[in-house]
Structure formats: structure tokens, C-alpha cells
Amino acid sequence: MSDPSQQPAMVVVMGVSGCGKSSTGRLLAERLGVPFLEADTLHSAPNRAKMAAGRPLTEEDRGPWLAAVSQWIAQATASQTGGVVACSALRYRYRQMFRRAGARVWLLHLALDETAARQRVARRTEHFMPAALVDSQYAELEPLRPDEPGLTVDAENSRQAIVDRAAAALHAIGWAGKSALDGLR
């Protein structure tokens, strides 16, 4: 890909709760030399309380959160730093919202078996998302479509193996993030 306007500026590490979005996203952002956002930090206190109580969010609940994530993507794109965001991004229309934010978004879907996701979430002690909501996330999950630039990987692989594979895929398509090719050549 030689046209810089078509190169990705933002990576969204997506998937259900427990798939490893945060740890993978942090490692990938570090590797690429770009800012990282854990989208969960943008949830409102009422949204966190609702999920902690075992109640899934509604579309109305998610609206302001998705708008805040989109705003971060737009700002990181405008600053020409690029970035990596860890966000469930379970539905196609959410990912389309991110793509309309002015970013050239590339998606890294961490696919994970439902049983494994439930076990991972149940082991976490410092997160508001209970294992009881894993089923609702799978009900919402829409895998990447052919028109979405990105990569689906098995979340059971090591974080480092996933980051290596994502970095290689980004390098192959001409990643446009700040300092992104440092260490990849």
C-alpha cells in the first residue's frame, strides 16, 4: 500500500471480555511507539455500576461511551500520532462509527472460545465486568466482515505471538503510525 491516505492510523484491539484486549493493546502500542487507550476507562460510573451488578448495557448506555472512544480516535488521528485502543467493538456498526471518526482504522480481533472467556473473566478480581455478562457479549459479537481491514487471531496464543503477528501484518500493509516501523525492519 503506497498511498499514505489509505494506510491505517489506528488499531482497535477488539473482542469479548477476557480475551486479552488490554494486555495485547498495551504491548502493541509499545511496539508501534504510539499512544494507548483502554476504552473501559471512558465508561461512565453508572455504566460500570450496571455491569458490575450483572446487567448488560443497552444501546442507549453505550452511546456516550462509543462517542468518547470515537473522539479519542479522531484526536489521535488528527495529531498524526496514530494509536491503539482496546475496545470490545463487538458490533459492526460500532466499528463503522470508529472508521467514520476520521481514522484509518485497522482491527485486531482476539477470538476466544466462550468457555475460556468465562473462565478468564471469573478469575479477574479487579474489573467491573462479571463472568455472568460473557453470554451477552457473545450474543452481541459480530465477527469481522470482509470489508473491514484487520486480522482475527486466536486469543489463546501468547500475547507476544499475537503482537508479533499483528505488527508483521501492519508492516506488510504500510502502517502509518508515528515511529511505527522502528524495530520492525
N, C-alpha and C. Protein backbone atom coordinates (compact mmCIF):
# COMPACT_ATOMS: atom_id res chain seq x y z
N MET A 1 0.86 -1.17 0.00
CA MET A 1 0.00 0.00 0.00
C MET A 1 0.90 1.22 0.00
N SER A 2 0.87 2.03 -1.06
CA SER A 2 1.78 3.16 -1.15
C SER A 2 1.12 4.50 -0.86
N ASP A 3 -0.17 4.61 -0.96
CA ASP A 3 -0.89 5.86 -0.70
C ASP A 3 -1.06 6.06 0.80
N PRO A 4 -0.34 7.06 1.40
CA PRO A 4 -0.43 7.25 2.85
C PRO A 4 -1.84 7.51 3.34
N SER A 5 -2.71 8.08 2.51
CA SER A 5 -4.08 8.34 2.95
C SER A 5 -4.88 7.06 3.14
N GLN A 6 -4.37 5.95 2.61
CA GLN A 6 -5.07 4.68 2.73
C GLN A 6 -4.45 3.78 3.80
N GLN A 7 -3.34 4.24 4.40
CA GLN A 7 -2.68 3.43 5.41
C GLN A 7 -3.37 3.58 6.76
N PRO A 8 -3.35 2.54 7.57
CA PRO A 8 -4.02 2.63 8.87
C PRO A 8 -3.32 3.62 9.80
N ALA A 9 -4.11 4.31 10.59
CA ALA A 9 -3.58 5.24 11.58
C ALA A 9 -3.94 4.79 12.99
N MET A 10 -4.90 3.90 13.10
CA MET A 10 -5.42 3.49 14.40
C MET A 10 -5.67 1.99 14.39
N VAL A 11 -5.26 1.33 15.47
CA VAL A 11 -5.55 -0.09 15.63
C VAL A 11 -6.56 -0.20 16.77
N VAL A 12 -7.64 -0.92 16.52
CA VAL A 12 -8.61 -1.23 17.56
C VAL A 12 -8.46 -2.72 17.87
N VAL A 13 -8.02 -3.01 19.09
CA VAL A 13 -7.92 -4.40 19.55
C VAL A 13 -9.27 -4.73 20.15
N MET A 14 -9.98 -5.65 19.54
CA MET A 14 -11.37 -5.91 19.88
C MET A 14 -11.62 -7.36 20.29
N GLY A 15 -12.76 -7.56 20.93
CA GLY A 15 -13.18 -8.90 21.31
C GLY A 15 -13.96 -8.86 22.60
N VAL A 16 -14.42 -10.00 23.01
CA VAL A 16 -15.23 -10.11 24.24
C VAL A 16 -14.36 -9.90 25.47
N SER A 17 -15.00 -9.68 26.57
CA SER A 17 -14.30 -9.51 27.84
C SER A 17 -13.48 -10.76 28.14
N GLY A 18 -12.26 -10.55 28.59
CA GLY A 18 -11.39 -11.66 28.94
C GLY A 18 -10.50 -12.16 27.83
N CYS A 19 -10.63 -11.61 26.62
CA CYS A 19 -9.84 -12.12 25.50
C CYS A 19 -8.41 -11.60 25.51
N GLY A 20 -8.11 -10.58 26.32
CA GLY A 20 -6.75 -10.06 26.39
C GLY A 20 -6.54 -8.76 25.64
N LYS A 21 -7.62 -8.01 25.43
CA LYS A 21 -7.51 -6.74 24.69
C LYS A 21 -6.53 -5.77 25.33
N SER A 22 -6.64 -5.59 26.63
CA SER A 22 -5.82 -4.59 27.32
C SER A 22 -4.34 -4.94 27.27
N SER A 23 -4.00 -6.15 27.65
CA SER A 23 -2.58 -6.52 27.67
C SER A 23 -2.00 -6.55 26.26
N THR A 24 -2.77 -7.05 25.31
CA THR A 24 -2.30 -7.08 23.92
C THR A 24 -2.18 -5.66 23.37
N GLY A 25 -3.18 -4.85 23.63
CA GLY A 25 -3.16 -3.47 23.15
C GLY A 25 -1.98 -2.68 23.68
N ARG A 26 -1.71 -2.83 24.98
CA ARG A 26 -0.56 -2.12 25.58
C ARG A 26 0.75 -2.55 24.92
N LEU A 27 0.91 -3.86 24.76
CA LEU A 27 2.14 -4.37 24.12
C LEU A 27 2.27 -3.90 22.68
N LEU A 28 1.17 -3.90 21.95
CA LEU A 28 1.20 -3.48 20.55
C LEU A 28 1.50 -1.99 20.45
N ALA A 29 0.88 -1.17 21.30
CA ALA A 29 1.14 0.27 21.28
C ALA A 29 2.61 0.55 21.59
N GLU A 30 3.14 -0.18 22.55
CA GLU A 30 4.56 -0.02 22.89
C GLU A 30 5.43 -0.39 21.70
N ARG A 31 5.12 -1.48 21.06
CA ARG A 31 5.88 -1.96 19.90
C ARG A 31 5.84 -0.95 18.76
N LEU A 32 4.65 -0.33 18.57
CA LEU A 32 4.48 0.61 17.47
C LEU A 32 4.90 2.04 17.82
N GLY A 33 5.11 2.30 19.10
CA GLY A 33 5.51 3.64 19.53
C GLY A 33 4.39 4.66 19.42
N VAL A 34 3.17 4.22 19.75
CA VAL A 34 2.00 5.11 19.66
C VAL A 34 1.23 5.10 20.98
N PRO A 35 0.37 6.10 21.18
CA PRO A 35 -0.44 6.14 22.41
C PRO A 35 -1.39 4.95 22.49
N PHE A 36 -1.75 4.61 23.74
CA PHE A 36 -2.69 3.52 24.02
C PHE A 36 -3.86 4.04 24.83
N LEU A 37 -5.05 3.56 24.50
CA LEU A 37 -6.24 3.86 25.29
C LEU A 37 -6.94 2.58 25.67
N GLU A 38 -7.22 2.42 26.94
CA GLU A 38 -8.10 1.36 27.43
C GLU A 38 -9.49 1.97 27.44
N ALA A 39 -10.33 1.59 26.49
CA ALA A 39 -11.65 2.22 26.34
C ALA A 39 -12.53 2.06 27.57
N ASP A 40 -12.32 1.03 28.36
CA ASP A 40 -13.12 0.87 29.58
C ASP A 40 -12.99 2.06 30.51
N THR A 41 -11.86 2.77 30.45
CA THR A 41 -11.68 3.95 31.31
C THR A 41 -12.63 5.07 30.95
N LEU A 42 -13.25 5.01 29.79
CA LEU A 42 -14.18 6.05 29.35
C LEU A 42 -15.64 5.73 29.71
N HIS A 43 -15.89 4.56 30.28
CA HIS A 43 -17.25 4.23 30.72
C HIS A 43 -17.65 5.14 31.87
N SER A 44 -18.88 5.53 31.89
CA SER A 44 -19.39 6.35 33.00
C SER A 44 -19.52 5.48 34.25
N ALA A 45 -19.57 6.15 35.40
CA ALA A 45 -19.75 5.42 36.66
C ALA A 45 -21.06 4.62 36.65
N PRO A 46 -22.17 5.18 36.14
CA PRO A 46 -23.40 4.37 36.09
C PRO A 46 -23.27 3.13 35.19
N ASN A 47 -22.55 3.25 34.08
CA ASN A 47 -22.34 2.08 33.22
C ASN A 47 -21.54 1.00 33.95
N ARG A 48 -20.49 1.42 34.63
CA ARG A 48 -19.67 0.45 35.37
C ARG A 48 -20.50 -0.23 36.46
N ALA A 49 -21.29 0.56 37.16
CA ALA A 49 -22.12 0.00 38.24
C ALA A 49 -23.14 -0.98 37.67
N LYS A 50 -23.71 -0.64 36.54
CA LYS A 50 -24.70 -1.51 35.91
C LYS A 50 -24.07 -2.86 35.53
N MET A 51 -22.90 -2.80 34.90
CA MET A 51 -22.23 -4.05 34.52
C MET A 51 -21.80 -4.84 35.75
N ALA A 52 -21.27 -4.15 36.75
CA ALA A 52 -20.85 -4.83 37.98
C ALA A 52 -22.01 -5.55 38.65
N ALA A 53 -23.23 -5.01 38.44
CA ALA A 53 -24.43 -5.63 39.01
C ALA A 53 -24.93 -6.78 38.13
N GLY A 54 -24.21 -7.06 37.04
CA GLY A 54 -24.59 -8.19 36.18
C GLY A 54 -25.63 -7.85 35.14
N ARG A 55 -25.84 -6.56 34.87
CA ARG A 55 -26.82 -6.15 33.86
C ARG A 55 -26.09 -5.63 32.62
N PRO A 56 -26.40 -6.18 31.46
CA PRO A 56 -25.74 -5.72 30.24
C PRO A 56 -26.15 -4.29 29.89
N LEU A 57 -25.26 -3.59 29.23
CA LEU A 57 -25.56 -2.24 28.78
C LEU A 57 -26.54 -2.27 27.62
N THR A 58 -27.34 -1.23 27.54
CA THR A 58 -28.25 -1.04 26.40
C THR A 58 -27.55 -0.18 25.36
N GLU A 59 -28.14 -0.07 24.20
CA GLU A 59 -27.59 0.81 23.17
C GLU A 59 -27.54 2.25 23.68
N GLU A 60 -28.54 2.64 24.43
CA GLU A 60 -28.57 3.99 25.00
C GLU A 60 -27.41 4.19 25.98
N ASP A 61 -27.12 3.18 26.78
CA ASP A 61 -25.99 3.26 27.72
C ASP A 61 -24.67 3.40 26.97
N ARG A 62 -24.52 2.66 25.88
CA ARG A 62 -23.26 2.63 25.14
C ARG A 62 -23.00 3.89 24.32
N GLY A 63 -24.05 4.60 23.96
CA GLY A 63 -23.91 5.75 23.06
C GLY A 63 -22.84 6.75 23.46
N PRO A 64 -22.91 7.31 24.67
CA PRO A 64 -21.88 8.30 25.07
C PRO A 64 -20.47 7.69 25.14
N TRP A 65 -20.39 6.44 25.54
CA TRP A 65 -19.09 5.77 25.61
C TRP A 65 -18.49 5.60 24.22
N LEU A 66 -19.30 5.13 23.27
CA LEU A 66 -18.81 4.97 21.90
C LEU A 66 -18.41 6.31 21.31
N ALA A 67 -19.16 7.36 21.64
CA ALA A 67 -18.82 8.70 21.17
C ALA A 67 -17.48 9.15 21.74
N ALA A 68 -17.23 8.85 23.01
CA ALA A 68 -15.96 9.23 23.64
C ALA A 68 -14.78 8.48 23.02
N VAL A 69 -14.98 7.19 22.73
CA VAL A 69 -13.93 6.42 22.07
C VAL A 69 -13.68 6.99 20.68
N SER A 70 -14.74 7.30 19.96
CA SER A 70 -14.60 7.88 18.62
C SER A 70 -13.86 9.20 18.67
N GLN A 71 -14.14 10.00 19.68
CA GLN A 71 -13.47 11.30 19.83
C GLN A 71 -11.97 11.09 20.05
N TRP A 72 -11.61 10.12 20.89
CA TRP A 72 -10.20 9.83 21.13
C TRP A 72 -9.52 9.40 19.83
N ILE A 73 -10.19 8.55 19.06
CA ILE A 73 -9.65 8.09 17.78
C ILE A 73 -9.45 9.28 16.84
N ALA A 74 -10.44 10.17 16.77
CA ALA A 74 -10.34 11.34 15.90
C ALA A 74 -9.18 12.24 16.32
N GLN A 75 -9.01 12.45 17.62
CA GLN A 75 -7.93 13.31 18.12
C GLN A 75 -6.56 12.68 17.85
N ALA A 76 -6.43 11.39 18.08
CA ALA A 76 -5.15 10.72 17.84
C ALA A 76 -4.82 10.71 16.36
N THR A 77 -5.83 10.62 15.53
CA THR A 77 -5.62 10.65 14.08
C THR A 77 -5.22 12.05 13.64
N ALA A 78 -5.94 13.06 14.15
CA ALA A 78 -5.65 14.44 13.78
C ALA A 78 -4.24 14.86 14.21
N SER A 79 -3.78 14.33 15.32
CA SER A 79 -2.45 14.68 15.81
C SER A 79 -1.36 13.93 15.04
N GLN A 80 -1.77 13.03 14.17
CA GLN A 80 -0.89 12.23 13.33
C GLN A 80 0.05 11.33 14.14
N THR A 81 -0.39 10.98 15.35
CA THR A 81 0.42 10.04 16.13
C THR A 81 -0.06 8.62 15.92
N GLY A 82 -1.31 8.47 15.49
CA GLY A 82 -1.88 7.14 15.44
C GLY A 82 -2.15 6.67 16.85
N GLY A 83 -2.48 5.41 17.01
CA GLY A 83 -2.75 4.90 18.34
C GLY A 83 -3.30 3.49 18.30
N VAL A 84 -3.41 2.95 19.51
CA VAL A 84 -4.01 1.63 19.71
C VAL A 84 -5.05 1.80 20.79
N VAL A 85 -6.25 1.28 20.55
CA VAL A 85 -7.30 1.33 21.55
C VAL A 85 -7.81 -0.08 21.80
N ALA A 86 -7.94 -0.43 23.07
CA ALA A 86 -8.54 -1.72 23.46
C ALA A 86 -10.00 -1.44 23.73
N CYS A 87 -10.86 -2.03 22.91
CA CYS A 87 -12.30 -1.77 23.00
C CYS A 87 -13.03 -3.00 22.49
N SER A 88 -14.07 -3.39 23.18
CA SER A 88 -14.81 -4.59 22.77
C SER A 88 -15.24 -4.50 21.31
N ALA A 89 -15.77 -3.36 20.87
CA ALA A 89 -16.16 -3.15 19.48
C ALA A 89 -16.88 -4.36 18.89
N LEU A 90 -17.83 -4.88 19.64
CA LEU A 90 -18.46 -6.15 19.28
C LEU A 90 -19.33 -6.09 18.03
N ARG A 91 -19.91 -4.94 17.77
CA ARG A 91 -20.85 -4.84 16.64
C ARG A 91 -20.23 -4.09 15.46
N TYR A 92 -20.63 -4.51 14.30
CA TYR A 92 -20.14 -3.90 13.05
C TYR A 92 -20.40 -2.40 13.06
N ARG A 93 -21.56 -1.99 13.48
CA ARG A 93 -21.88 -0.56 13.42
C ARG A 93 -21.02 0.26 14.38
N TYR A 94 -20.56 -0.32 15.48
CA TYR A 94 -19.64 0.40 16.37
C TYR A 94 -18.30 0.61 15.64
N ARG A 95 -17.85 -0.42 14.98
CA ARG A 95 -16.58 -0.33 14.26
C ARG A 95 -16.68 0.66 13.11
N GLN A 96 -17.85 0.71 12.48
CA GLN A 96 -18.07 1.70 11.42
C GLN A 96 -18.03 3.11 12.00
N MET A 97 -18.57 3.29 13.20
CA MET A 97 -18.52 4.59 13.87
C MET A 97 -17.06 5.01 14.06
N PHE A 98 -16.23 4.08 14.48
CA PHE A 98 -14.82 4.38 14.69
C PHE A 98 -14.15 4.74 13.36
N ARG A 99 -14.52 4.04 12.30
CA ARG A 99 -13.94 4.32 10.99
C ARG A 99 -14.38 5.68 10.47
N ARG A 100 -15.57 6.12 10.84
CA ARG A 100 -16.04 7.46 10.43
C ARG A 100 -15.42 8.57 11.27
N ALA A 101 -14.73 8.23 12.33
CA ALA A 101 -14.15 9.24 13.21
C ALA A 101 -12.98 9.97 12.56
N GLY A 102 -12.70 9.65 11.32
CA GLY A 102 -11.61 10.32 10.63
C GLY A 102 -10.33 9.50 10.65
N ALA A 103 -10.41 8.34 11.22
CA ALA A 103 -9.23 7.49 11.31
C ALA A 103 -9.27 6.42 10.23
N ARG A 104 -8.10 5.97 9.88
CA ARG A 104 -7.99 4.78 9.04
C ARG A 104 -7.79 3.63 10.02
N VAL A 105 -8.88 2.99 10.37
CA VAL A 105 -8.89 2.00 11.45
C VAL A 105 -8.59 0.61 10.92
N TRP A 106 -7.71 -0.08 11.62
CA TRP A 106 -7.38 -1.48 11.37
C TRP A 106 -7.76 -2.24 12.62
N LEU A 107 -8.43 -3.38 12.47
CA LEU A 107 -8.99 -4.11 13.60
C LEU A 107 -8.21 -5.40 13.88
N LEU A 108 -7.93 -5.61 15.14
CA LEU A 108 -7.30 -6.85 15.58
C LEU A 108 -8.30 -7.54 16.49
N HIS A 109 -8.97 -8.57 15.96
CA HIS A 109 -9.99 -9.29 16.71
C HIS A 109 -9.34 -10.47 17.42
N LEU A 110 -9.41 -10.44 18.74
CA LEU A 110 -8.90 -11.53 19.56
C LEU A 110 -10.05 -12.50 19.80
N ALA A 111 -10.10 -13.54 19.01
CA ALA A 111 -11.19 -14.53 19.09
C ALA A 111 -10.90 -15.53 20.20
N LEU A 112 -11.92 -15.80 21.00
CA LEU A 112 -11.76 -16.68 22.14
C LEU A 112 -13.03 -17.51 22.34
N ASP A 113 -12.84 -18.77 22.65
CA ASP A 113 -13.93 -19.68 22.96
C ASP A 113 -14.72 -19.15 24.17
N GLU A 114 -16.02 -19.31 24.13
CA GLU A 114 -16.88 -18.77 25.20
C GLU A 114 -16.55 -19.34 26.58
N THR A 115 -16.26 -20.62 26.65
CA THR A 115 -15.91 -21.22 27.94
C THR A 115 -14.63 -20.62 28.49
N ALA A 116 -13.63 -20.46 27.63
CA ALA A 116 -12.36 -19.87 28.06
C ALA A 116 -12.57 -18.42 28.51
N ALA A 117 -13.40 -17.67 27.80
CA ALA A 117 -13.68 -16.28 28.18
C ALA A 117 -14.33 -16.24 29.56
N ARG A 118 -15.29 -17.08 29.77
CA ARG A 118 -15.99 -17.11 31.07
C ARG A 118 -15.01 -17.44 32.20
N GLN A 119 -14.12 -18.40 31.97
CA GLN A 119 -13.13 -18.78 32.99
C GLN A 119 -12.17 -17.63 33.27
N ARG A 120 -11.70 -16.97 32.22
CA ARG A 120 -10.77 -15.86 32.41
C ARG A 120 -11.43 -14.72 33.19
N VAL A 121 -12.65 -14.37 32.82
CA VAL A 121 -13.35 -13.27 33.50
C VAL A 121 -13.62 -13.63 34.95
N ALA A 122 -13.96 -14.88 35.22
CA ALA A 122 -14.24 -15.31 36.59
C ALA A 122 -12.99 -15.20 37.48
N ARG A 123 -11.81 -15.34 36.88
CA ARG A 123 -10.56 -15.25 37.65
C ARG A 123 -10.15 -13.81 37.96
N ARG A 124 -10.69 -12.85 37.23
CA ARG A 124 -10.30 -11.46 37.46
C ARG A 124 -10.94 -10.95 38.73
N THR A 125 -10.17 -10.20 39.50
CA THR A 125 -10.69 -9.69 40.76
C THR A 125 -10.85 -8.17 40.77
N GLU A 126 -10.18 -7.49 39.86
CA GLU A 126 -10.21 -6.03 39.90
C GLU A 126 -10.84 -5.42 38.66
N HIS A 127 -11.88 -6.02 38.14
CA HIS A 127 -12.56 -5.49 36.96
C HIS A 127 -14.05 -5.52 37.22
N PHE A 128 -14.75 -4.53 36.70
CA PHE A 128 -16.19 -4.42 36.96
C PHE A 128 -17.04 -5.41 36.18
N MET A 129 -16.47 -6.05 35.16
CA MET A 129 -17.24 -6.95 34.30
C MET A 129 -17.31 -8.35 34.91
N PRO A 130 -18.50 -8.82 35.30
CA PRO A 130 -18.62 -10.17 35.87
C PRO A 130 -18.74 -11.24 34.78
N ALA A 131 -18.40 -12.45 35.13
CA ALA A 131 -18.50 -13.58 34.19
C ALA A 131 -19.93 -13.79 33.70
N ALA A 132 -20.89 -13.36 34.49
CA ALA A 132 -22.31 -13.52 34.11
C ALA A 132 -22.65 -12.77 32.83
N LEU A 133 -21.86 -11.77 32.47
CA LEU A 133 -22.16 -10.99 31.27
C LEU A 133 -21.46 -11.50 30.01
N VAL A 134 -20.65 -12.53 30.13
CA VAL A 134 -19.94 -13.04 28.96
C VAL A 134 -20.94 -13.52 27.91
N ASP A 135 -22.00 -14.20 28.33
CA ASP A 135 -23.00 -14.67 27.37
C ASP A 135 -23.58 -13.51 26.56
N SER A 136 -23.85 -12.39 27.20
CA SER A 136 -24.43 -11.24 26.50
C SER A 136 -23.44 -10.68 25.49
N GLN A 137 -22.15 -10.78 25.77
CA GLN A 137 -21.17 -10.28 24.81
C GLN A 137 -21.13 -11.18 23.57
N TYR A 138 -21.21 -12.48 23.76
CA TYR A 138 -21.24 -13.37 22.60
C TYR A 138 -22.52 -13.18 21.79
N ALA A 139 -23.60 -12.83 22.44
CA ALA A 139 -24.85 -12.56 21.72
C ALA A 139 -24.72 -11.32 20.84
N GLU A 140 -23.89 -10.38 21.25
CA GLU A 140 -23.67 -9.14 20.51
C GLU A 140 -22.57 -9.24 19.46
N LEU A 141 -21.63 -10.17 19.65
CA LEU A 141 -20.43 -10.23 18.82
C LEU A 141 -20.74 -10.49 17.34
N GLU A 142 -20.23 -9.60 16.51
CA GLU A 142 -20.29 -9.76 15.07
C GLU A 142 -18.84 -9.82 14.58
N PRO A 143 -18.40 -11.00 14.13
CA PRO A 143 -17.01 -11.13 13.68
C PRO A 143 -16.70 -10.15 12.55
N LEU A 144 -15.42 -9.94 12.30
CA LEU A 144 -15.01 -9.05 11.23
C LEU A 144 -15.63 -9.47 9.91
N ARG A 145 -16.04 -8.48 9.16
CA ARG A 145 -16.59 -8.72 7.82
C ARG A 145 -15.48 -8.51 6.79
N PRO A 146 -15.69 -9.05 5.59
CA PRO A 146 -14.66 -8.91 4.55
C PRO A 146 -14.31 -7.45 4.21
N ASP A 147 -15.23 -6.52 4.42
CA ASP A 147 -14.94 -5.11 4.10
C ASP A 147 -14.21 -4.38 5.23
N GLU A 148 -13.91 -5.08 6.32
CA GLU A 148 -13.22 -4.46 7.44
C GLU A 148 -11.74 -4.82 7.42
N PRO A 149 -10.87 -3.81 7.32
CA PRO A 149 -9.45 -4.11 7.33
C PRO A 149 -9.01 -4.60 8.71
N GLY A 150 -8.34 -5.72 8.73
CA GLY A 150 -7.89 -6.23 10.02
C GLY A 150 -7.50 -7.69 9.97
N LEU A 151 -7.40 -8.25 11.17
CA LEU A 151 -6.91 -9.60 11.34
C LEU A 151 -7.63 -10.23 12.52
N THR A 152 -8.02 -11.48 12.39
CA THR A 152 -8.58 -12.24 13.51
C THR A 152 -7.54 -13.27 13.93
N VAL A 153 -7.26 -13.29 15.24
CA VAL A 153 -6.27 -14.23 15.77
C VAL A 153 -6.88 -14.98 16.95
N ASP A 154 -6.32 -16.13 17.23
CA ASP A 154 -6.74 -16.94 18.37
C ASP A 154 -6.17 -16.32 19.64
N ALA A 155 -7.04 -15.89 20.54
CA ALA A 155 -6.63 -15.23 21.78
C ALA A 155 -5.94 -16.18 22.75
N GLU A 156 -5.95 -17.47 22.47
CA GLU A 156 -5.24 -18.43 23.31
C GLU A 156 -3.73 -18.40 23.05
N ASN A 157 -3.32 -17.79 21.93
CA ASN A 157 -1.89 -17.64 21.66
C ASN A 157 -1.28 -16.70 22.70
N SER A 158 0.03 -16.72 22.84
CA SER A 158 0.69 -15.82 23.78
C SER A 158 0.52 -14.37 23.31
N ARG A 159 0.53 -13.46 24.25
CA ARG A 159 0.41 -12.03 23.91
C ARG A 159 1.51 -11.65 22.93
N GLN A 160 2.73 -12.12 23.20
CA GLN A 160 3.85 -11.76 22.33
C GLN A 160 3.65 -12.29 20.91
N ALA A 161 3.16 -13.52 20.78
CA ALA A 161 2.92 -14.09 19.45
C ALA A 161 1.85 -13.29 18.71
N ILE A 162 0.82 -12.86 19.42
CA ILE A 162 -0.24 -12.06 18.80
C ILE A 162 0.31 -10.72 18.35
N VAL A 163 1.08 -10.07 19.21
CA VAL A 163 1.66 -8.77 18.86
C VAL A 163 2.61 -8.91 17.68
N ASP A 164 3.41 -9.95 17.67
CA ASP A 164 4.33 -10.18 16.54
C ASP A 164 3.55 -10.34 15.24
N ARG A 165 2.48 -11.11 15.30
CA ARG A 165 1.69 -11.34 14.08
C ARG A 165 1.00 -10.05 13.62
N ALA A 166 0.45 -9.29 14.57
CA ALA A 166 -0.21 -8.03 14.22
C ALA A 166 0.80 -7.03 13.66
N ALA A 167 1.96 -6.91 14.30
CA ALA A 167 2.98 -5.98 13.83
C ALA A 167 3.45 -6.35 12.42
N ALA A 168 3.60 -7.63 12.16
CA ALA A 168 4.01 -8.07 10.82
C ALA A 168 2.93 -7.74 9.79
N ALA A 169 1.67 -7.95 10.16
CA ALA A 169 0.56 -7.62 9.24
C ALA A 169 0.50 -6.13 8.98
N LEU A 170 0.69 -5.32 10.01
CA LEU A 170 0.68 -3.87 9.84
C LEU A 170 1.86 -3.42 8.98
N HIS A 171 3.00 -3.98 9.22
CA HIS A 171 4.19 -3.66 8.42
C HIS A 171 3.93 -3.99 6.94
N ALA A 172 3.31 -5.12 6.69
CA ALA A 172 3.05 -5.56 5.32
C ALA A 172 2.12 -4.62 4.56
N ILE A 173 1.24 -3.93 5.29
CA ILE A 173 0.31 -3.01 4.62
C ILE A 173 0.75 -1.55 4.74
N GLY A 174 1.93 -1.30 5.32
CA GLY A 174 2.45 0.05 5.37
C GLY A 174 1.90 0.90 6.50
N TRP A 175 1.90 0.36 7.71
CA TRP A 175 1.41 1.09 8.89
C TRP A 175 1.92 2.52 8.88
N ALA A 176 1.06 3.46 9.19
CA ALA A 176 1.40 4.88 9.14
C ALA A 176 1.50 5.53 10.51
N GLY A 177 1.57 4.75 11.57
CA GLY A 177 1.67 5.33 12.91
C GLY A 177 3.04 5.93 13.18
N LYS A 178 3.11 6.88 14.09
CA LYS A 178 4.36 7.54 14.46
C LYS A 178 5.34 6.52 15.02
N SER A 179 6.53 6.50 14.49
CA SER A 179 7.60 5.59 14.92
C SER A 179 7.19 4.13 14.79
N ALA A 180 6.19 3.85 14.00
CA ALA A 180 5.63 2.51 13.96
C ALA A 180 6.57 1.47 13.38
N LEU A 181 7.43 1.86 12.49
CA LEU A 181 8.28 0.86 11.87
C LEU A 181 9.60 0.68 12.62
N ASP A 182 9.84 1.49 13.65
CA ASP A 182 11.03 1.31 14.47
C ASP A 182 11.01 -0.09 15.05
N GLY A 183 12.05 -0.80 14.89
CA GLY A 183 12.16 -2.14 15.47
C GLY A 183 11.49 -3.22 14.62
N LEU A 184 10.84 -2.84 13.55
CA LEU A 184 10.20 -3.85 12.70
C LEU A 184 11.05 -4.17 11.47
N ARG A 185 12.03 -3.35 11.19
CA ARG A 185 12.83 -3.56 9.98
C ARG A 185 14.02 -4.43 10.26
